[in-house]
Amino acid sequence: MVDNPHETLQQISRLLEKNGLMSLSDLERSIGVSRNWLSGFMAALEAIDLVERKGTRTFKLYMIKRK
């Protein structure tokens, strides 16, 4: 369970700014949250245009969306 989604968002933003692209697995290992929760969180960030996803159905790479 994630205590503070705002903190998780900040961690994701820092990691993606630093690394450019990261897979869901890399984000999971770096942040330490469950893969299922993180997958839903990333889908929500994608839906509100904060992140962009590249890759296939089975392999997803995320990056900060540039406007």
PDB file of N, CA and C in Angstrom:
ATOM      1  N   MET A   1       0.844  -1.185   0.000  1.00  0.00           N
ATOM      2  CA  MET A   1       0.000   0.000   0.000  1.00  0.00           C
ATOM      3  C   MET A   1       0.883   1.240   0.000  1.00  0.00           C
ATOM      4  N   VAL A   2       0.491   2.215  -0.751  1.00  0.00           N
ATOM      5  CA  VAL A   2       1.246   3.451  -0.845  1.00  0.00           C
ATOM      6  C   VAL A   2       0.639   4.463   0.113  1.00  0.00           C
ATOM      7  N   ASP A   3       1.484   5.005   0.991  1.00  0.00           N
ATOM      8  CA  ASP A   3       1.001   5.974   1.965  1.00  0.00           C
ATOM      9  C   ASP A   3       0.753   7.341   1.345  1.00  0.00           C
ATOM     10  N   ASN A   4       1.614   7.743   0.399  1.00  0.00           N
ATOM     11  CA  ASN A   4       1.526   9.088  -0.143  1.00  0.00           C
ATOM     12  C   ASN A   4       1.730   9.083  -1.659  1.00  0.00           C
ATOM     13  N   PRO A   5       0.648   9.099  -2.433  1.00  0.00           N
ATOM     14  CA  PRO A   5       0.783   9.097  -3.893  1.00  0.00           C
ATOM     15  C   PRO A   5       1.516  10.325  -4.428  1.00  0.00           C
ATOM     16  N   HIS A   6       1.427  11.459  -3.712  1.00  0.00           N
ATOM     17  CA  HIS A   6       2.142  12.666  -4.149  1.00  0.00           C
ATOM     18  C   HIS A   6       3.651  12.442  -4.116  1.00  0.00           C
ATOM     19  N   GLU A   7       4.114  11.759  -3.082  1.00  0.00           N
ATOM     20  CA  GLU A   7       5.538  11.437  -2.975  1.00  0.00           C
ATOM     21  C   GLU A   7       5.948  10.466  -4.088  1.00  0.00           C
ATOM     22  N   THR A   8       5.090   9.508  -4.379  1.00  0.00           N
ATOM     23  CA  THR A   8       5.365   8.562  -5.465  1.00  0.00           C
ATOM     24  C   THR A   8       5.463   9.297  -6.794  1.00  0.00           C
ATOM     25  N   LEU A   9       4.572  10.248  -7.033  1.00  0.00           N
ATOM     26  CA  LEU A   9       4.620  11.048  -8.256  1.00  0.00           C
ATOM     27  C   LEU A   9       5.929  11.829  -8.345  1.00  0.00           C
ATOM     28  N   GLN A  10       6.372  12.402  -7.236  1.00  0.00           N
ATOM     29  CA  GLN A  10       7.643  13.133  -7.228  1.00  0.00           C
ATOM     30  C   GLN A  10       8.812  12.200  -7.531  1.00  0.00           C
ATOM     31  N   GLN A  11       8.801  11.011  -6.955  1.00  0.00           N
ATOM     32  CA  GLN A  11       9.864  10.037  -7.221  1.00  0.00           C
ATOM     33  C   GLN A  11       9.883   9.647  -8.694  1.00  0.00           C
ATOM     34  N   ILE A  12       8.724   9.380  -9.253  1.00  0.00           N
ATOM     35  CA  ILE A  12       8.632   9.009 -10.671  1.00  0.00           C
ATOM     36  C   ILE A  12       9.146  10.144 -11.543  1.00  0.00           C
ATOM     37  N   SER A  13       8.736  11.364 -11.242  1.00  0.00           N
ATOM     38  CA  SER A  13       9.185  12.521 -12.022  1.00  0.00           C
ATOM     39  C   SER A  13      10.696  12.662 -11.982  1.00  0.00           C
ATOM     40  N   ARG A  14      11.283  12.534 -10.791  1.00  0.00           N
ATOM     41  CA  ARG A  14      12.751  12.637 -10.664  1.00  0.00           C
ATOM     42  C   ARG A  14      13.454  11.544 -11.456  1.00  0.00           C
ATOM     43  N   LEU A  15      12.960  10.321 -11.342  1.00  0.00           N
ATOM     44  CA  LEU A  15      13.586   9.200 -12.048  1.00  0.00           C
ATOM     45  C   LEU A  15      13.496   9.362 -13.562  1.00  0.00           C
ATOM     46  N   LEU A  16      12.338   9.779 -14.052  1.00  0.00           N
ATOM     47  CA  LEU A  16      12.173   9.936 -15.498  1.00  0.00           C
ATOM     48  C   LEU A  16      12.961  11.132 -16.027  1.00  0.00           C
ATOM     49  N   GLU A  17      13.076  12.193 -15.242  1.00  0.00           N
ATOM     50  CA  GLU A  17      13.907  13.334 -15.653  1.00  0.00           C
ATOM     51  C   GLU A  17      15.370  12.909 -15.747  1.00  0.00           C
ATOM     52  N   LYS A  18      15.806  12.122 -14.789  1.00  0.00           N
ATOM     53  CA  LYS A  18      17.207  11.687 -14.738  1.00  0.00           C
ATOM     54  C   LYS A  18      17.531  10.671 -15.835  1.00  0.00           C
ATOM     55  N   ASN A  19      16.640   9.713 -16.050  1.00  0.00           N
ATOM     56  CA  ASN A  19      16.931   8.592 -16.945  1.00  0.00           C
ATOM     57  C   ASN A  19      16.303   8.699 -18.332  1.00  0.00           C
ATOM     58  N   GLY A  20      15.389   9.607 -18.515  1.00  0.00           N
ATOM     59  CA  GLY A  20      14.725   9.737 -19.815  1.00  0.00           C
ATOM     60  C   GLY A  20      13.598   8.736 -19.978  1.00  0.00           C
ATOM     61  N   LEU A  21      13.935   7.494 -20.241  1.00  0.00           N
ATOM     62  CA  LEU A  21      12.963   6.404 -20.391  1.00  0.00           C
ATOM     63  C   LEU A  21      13.186   5.372 -19.299  1.00  0.00           C
ATOM     64  N   MET A  22      12.105   4.829 -18.767  1.00  0.00           N
ATOM     65  CA  MET A  22      12.218   3.730 -17.803  1.00  0.00           C
ATOM     66  C   MET A  22      11.071   2.759 -18.018  1.00  0.00           C
ATOM     67  N   SER A  23      11.375   1.487 -17.845  1.00  0.00           N
ATOM     68  CA  SER A  23      10.333   0.465 -17.937  1.00  0.00           C
ATOM     69  C   SER A  23       9.569   0.401 -16.617  1.00  0.00           C
ATOM     70  N   LEU A  24       8.419  -0.229 -16.650  1.00  0.00           N
ATOM     71  CA  LEU A  24       7.633  -0.423 -15.443  1.00  0.00           C
ATOM     72  C   LEU A  24       8.438  -1.214 -14.410  1.00  0.00           C
ATOM     73  N   SER A  25       9.192  -2.212 -14.867  1.00  0.00           N
ATOM     74  CA  SER A  25      10.018  -3.014 -13.955  1.00  0.00           C
ATOM     75  C   SER A  25      11.085  -2.167 -13.281  1.00  0.00           C
ATOM     76  N   ASP A  26      11.735  -1.283 -14.051  1.00  0.00           N
ATOM     77  CA  ASP A  26      12.762  -0.410 -13.477  1.00  0.00           C
ATOM     78  C   ASP A  26      12.159   0.547 -12.451  1.00  0.00           C
ATOM     79  N   LEU A  27      11.004   1.112 -12.783  1.00  0.00           N
ATOM     80  CA  LEU A  27      10.330   2.009 -11.842  1.00  0.00           C
ATOM     81  C   LEU A  27       9.934   1.259 -10.573  1.00  0.00           C
ATOM     82  N   GLU A  28       9.416   0.061 -10.747  1.00  0.00           N
ATOM     83  CA  GLU A  28       9.001  -0.763  -9.602  1.00  0.00           C
ATOM     84  C   GLU A  28      10.180  -1.015  -8.665  1.00  0.00           C
ATOM     85  N   ARG A  29      11.312  -1.400  -9.227  1.00  0.00           N
ATOM     86  CA  ARG A  29      12.501  -1.664  -8.408  1.00  0.00           C
ATOM     87  C   ARG A  29      13.014  -0.397  -7.724  1.00  0.00           C
ATOM     88  N   SER A  30      12.965   0.718  -8.415  1.00  0.00           N
ATOM     89  CA  SER A  30      13.492   1.969  -7.874  1.00  0.00           C
ATOM     90  C   SER A  30      12.614   2.559  -6.780  1.00  0.00           C
ATOM     91  N   ILE A  31      11.308   2.401  -6.922  1.00  0.00           N
ATOM     92  CA  ILE A  31      10.379   3.031  -5.984  1.00  0.00           C
ATOM     93  C   ILE A  31       9.960   2.073  -4.875  1.00  0.00           C
ATOM     94  N   GLY A  32       9.836   0.797  -5.200  1.00  0.00           N
ATOM     95  CA  GLY A  32       9.489  -0.190  -4.182  1.00  0.00           C
ATOM     96  C   GLY A  32       8.000  -0.311  -3.897  1.00  0.00           C
ATOM     97  N   VAL A  33       7.169  -0.083  -4.916  1.00  0.00           N
ATOM     98  CA  VAL A  33       5.723  -0.291  -4.759  1.00  0.00           C
ATOM     99  C   VAL A  33       5.326  -1.508  -5.586  1.00  0.00           C
ATOM    100  N   SER A  34       4.132  -2.020  -5.352  1.00  0.00           N
ATOM    101  CA  SER A  34       3.712  -3.218  -6.081  1.00  0.00           C
ATOM    102  C   SER A  34       3.523  -2.904  -7.564  1.00  0.00           C
ATOM    103  N   ARG A  35       3.811  -3.886  -8.371  1.00  0.00           N
ATOM    104  CA  ARG A  35       3.729  -3.723  -9.830  1.00  0.00           C
ATOM    105  C   ARG A  35       2.300  -3.405 -10.283  1.00  0.00           C
ATOM    106  N   ASN A  36       1.318  -4.078  -9.705  1.00  0.00           N
ATOM    107  CA  ASN A  36      -0.075  -3.834 -10.091  1.00  0.00           C
ATOM    108  C   ASN A  36      -0.499  -2.407  -9.765  1.00  0.00           C
ATOM    109  N   TRP A  37      -0.147  -1.935  -8.566  1.00  0.00           N
ATOM    110  CA  TRP A  37      -0.490  -0.567  -8.181  1.00  0.00           C
ATOM    111  C   TRP A  37       0.209   0.425  -9.105  1.00  0.00           C
ATOM    112  N   LEU A  38       1.497   0.208  -9.350  1.00  0.00           N
ATOM    113  CA  LEU A  38       2.274   1.118 -10.189  1.00  0.00           C
ATOM    114  C   LEU A  38       1.743   1.145 -11.618  1.00  0.00           C
ATOM    115  N   SER A  39       1.330   0.009 -12.136  1.00  0.00           N
ATOM    116  CA  SER A  39       0.772  -0.054 -13.485  1.00  0.00           C
ATOM    117  C   SER A  39      -0.476   0.823 -13.595  1.00  0.00           C
ATOM    118  N   GLY A  40      -1.351   0.740 -12.618  1.00  0.00           N
ATOM    119  CA  GLY A  40      -2.548   1.579 -12.602  1.00  0.00           C
ATOM    120  C   GLY A  40      -2.219   3.052 -12.433  1.00  0.00           C
ATOM    121  N   PHE A  41      -1.240   3.343 -11.587  1.00  0.00           N
ATOM    122  CA  PHE A  41      -0.815   4.725 -11.350  1.00  0.00           C
ATOM    123  C   PHE A  41      -0.241   5.325 -12.625  1.00  0.00           C
ATOM    124  N   MET A  42       0.585   4.554 -13.336  1.00  0.00           N
ATOM    125  CA  MET A  42       1.180   5.040 -14.585  1.00  0.00           C
ATOM    126  C   MET A  42       0.105   5.228 -15.653  1.00  0.00           C
ATOM    127  N   ALA A  43      -0.893   4.349 -15.684  1.00  0.00           N
ATOM    128  CA  ALA A  43      -2.002   4.502 -16.635  1.00  0.00           C
ATOM    129  C   ALA A  43      -2.766   5.797 -16.350  1.00  0.00           C
ATOM    130  N   ALA A  44      -2.944   6.115 -15.070  1.00  0.00           N
ATOM    131  CA  ALA A  44      -3.620   7.358 -14.703  1.00  0.00           C
ATOM    132  C   ALA A  44      -2.787   8.569 -15.117  1.00  0.00           C
ATOM    133  N   LEU A  45      -1.474   8.511 -14.905  1.00  0.00           N
ATOM    134  CA  LEU A  45      -0.596   9.617 -15.315  1.00  0.00           C
ATOM    135  C   LEU A  45      -0.607   9.793 -16.826  1.00  0.00           C
ATOM    136  N   GLU A  46      -0.693   8.683 -17.535  1.00  0.00           N
ATOM    137  CA  GLU A  46      -0.778   8.742 -18.999  1.00  0.00           C
ATOM    138  C   GLU A  46      -2.116   9.359 -19.430  1.00  0.00           C
ATOM    139  N   ALA A  47      -3.186   9.017 -18.742  1.00  0.00           N
ATOM    140  CA  ALA A  47      -4.517   9.528 -19.084  1.00  0.00           C
ATOM    141  C   ALA A  47      -4.625  11.036 -18.884  1.00  0.00           C
ATOM    142  N   ILE A  48      -3.873  11.581 -17.929  1.00  0.00           N
ATOM    143  CA  ILE A  48      -3.927  13.028 -17.695  1.00  0.00           C
ATOM    144  C   ILE A  48      -2.744  13.746 -18.345  1.00  0.00           C
ATOM    145  N   ASP A  49      -2.078  13.068 -19.273  1.00  0.00           N
ATOM    146  CA  ASP A  49      -1.009  13.648 -20.101  1.00  0.00           C
ATOM    147  C   ASP A  49       0.232  14.092 -19.335  1.00  0.00           C
ATOM    148  N   LEU A  50       0.566  13.410 -18.246  1.00  0.00           N
ATOM    149  CA  LEU A  50       1.812  13.720 -17.547  1.00  0.00           C
ATOM    150  C   LEU A  50       2.963  12.860 -18.033  1.00  0.00           C
ATOM    151  N   VAL A  51       2.658  11.630 -18.432  1.00  0.00           N
ATOM    152  CA  VAL A  51       3.694  10.747 -18.971  1.00  0.00           C
ATOM    153  C   VAL A  51       3.246  10.212 -20.322  1.00  0.00           C
ATOM    154  N   GLU A  52       4.228   9.738 -21.061  1.00  0.00           N
ATOM    155  CA  GLU A  52       3.991   9.161 -22.379  1.00  0.00           C
ATOM    156  C   GLU A  52       4.550   7.744 -22.363  1.00  0.00           C
ATOM    157  N   ARG A  53       3.870   6.828 -23.049  1.00  0.00           N
ATOM    158  CA  ARG A  53       4.300   5.431 -23.082  1.00  0.00           C
ATOM    159  C   ARG A  53       4.729   5.067 -24.490  1.00  0.00           C
ATOM    160  N   LYS A  54       5.859   4.381 -24.578  1.00  0.00           N
ATOM    161  CA  LYS A  54       6.353   3.833 -25.843  1.00  0.00           C
ATOM    162  C   LYS A  54       6.499   2.331 -25.658  1.00  0.00           C
ATOM    163  N   GLY A  55       6.526   1.602 -26.756  1.00  0.00           N
ATOM    164  CA  GLY A  55       6.759   0.169 -26.671  1.00  0.00           C
ATOM    165  C   GLY A  55       5.594  -0.636 -27.194  1.00  0.00           C
ATOM    166  N   THR A  56       5.531  -1.874 -26.737  1.00  0.00           N
ATOM    167  CA  THR A  56       4.492  -2.798 -27.175  1.00  0.00           C
ATOM    168  C   THR A  56       3.508  -3.020 -26.033  1.00  0.00           C
ATOM    169  N   ARG A  57       2.538  -3.894 -26.267  1.00  0.00           N
ATOM    170  CA  ARG A  57       1.584  -4.216 -25.193  1.00  0.00           C
ATOM    171  C   ARG A  57       2.267  -4.846 -23.992  1.00  0.00           C
ATOM    172  N   THR A  58       3.306  -5.632 -24.243  1.00  0.00           N
ATOM    173  CA  THR A  58       3.949  -6.356 -23.151  1.00  0.00           C
ATOM    174  C   THR A  58       5.172  -5.644 -22.591  1.00  0.00           C
ATOM    175  N   PHE A  59       5.735  -4.708 -23.309  1.00  0.00           N
ATOM    176  CA  PHE A  59       6.916  -3.998 -22.832  1.00  0.00           C
ATOM    177  C   PHE A  59       6.659  -2.507 -22.959  1.00  0.00           C
ATOM    178  N   LYS A  60       6.557  -1.839 -21.828  1.00  0.00           N
ATOM    179  CA  LYS A  60       6.218  -0.422 -21.822  1.00  0.00           C
ATOM    180  C   LYS A  60       7.384   0.403 -21.294  1.00  0.00           C
ATOM    181  N   LEU A  61       7.708   1.462 -22.017  1.00  0.00           N
ATOM    182  CA  LEU A  61       8.702   2.432 -21.576  1.00  0.00           C
ATOM    183  C   LEU A  61       7.981   3.750 -21.343  1.00  0.00           C
ATOM    184  N   TYR A  62       8.252   4.363 -20.211  1.00  0.00           N
ATOM    185  CA  TYR A  62       7.589   5.613 -19.864  1.00  0.00           C
ATOM    186  C   TYR A  62       8.581   6.761 -19.881  1.00  0.00           C
ATOM    187  N   MET A  63       8.076   7.952 -20.245  1.00  0.00           N
ATOM    188  CA  MET A  63       8.874   9.171 -20.215  1.00  0.00           C
ATOM    189  C   MET A  63       7.955  10.332 -19.851  1.00  0.00           C
ATOM    190  N   ILE A  64       8.563  11.431 -19.397  1.00  0.00           N
ATOM    191  CA  ILE A  64       7.801  12.645 -19.114  1.00  0.00           C
ATOM    192  C   ILE A  64       7.269  13.187 -20.434  1.00  0.00           C
ATOM    193  N   LYS A  65       6.021  13.567 -20.459  1.00  0.00           N
ATOM    194  CA  LYS A  65       5.432  14.120 -21.684  1.00  0.00           C
ATOM    195  C   LYS A  65       5.832  15.583 -21.810  1.00  0.00           C
ATOM    196  N   ARG A  66       6.407  15.916 -22.938  1.00  0.00           N
ATOM    197  CA  ARG A  66       6.813  17.298 -23.233  1.00  0.00           C
ATOM    198  C   ARG A  66       5.689  17.988 -23.971  1.00  0.00           C
ATOM    199  N   LYS A  67       5.372  19.184 -23.551  1.00  0.00           N
ATOM    200  CA  LYS A  67       4.277  19.923 -24.200  1.00  0.00           C
ATOM    201  C   LYS A  67       4.812  21.003 -25.085  1.00  0.00           C
TER     202      LYS A  67
END
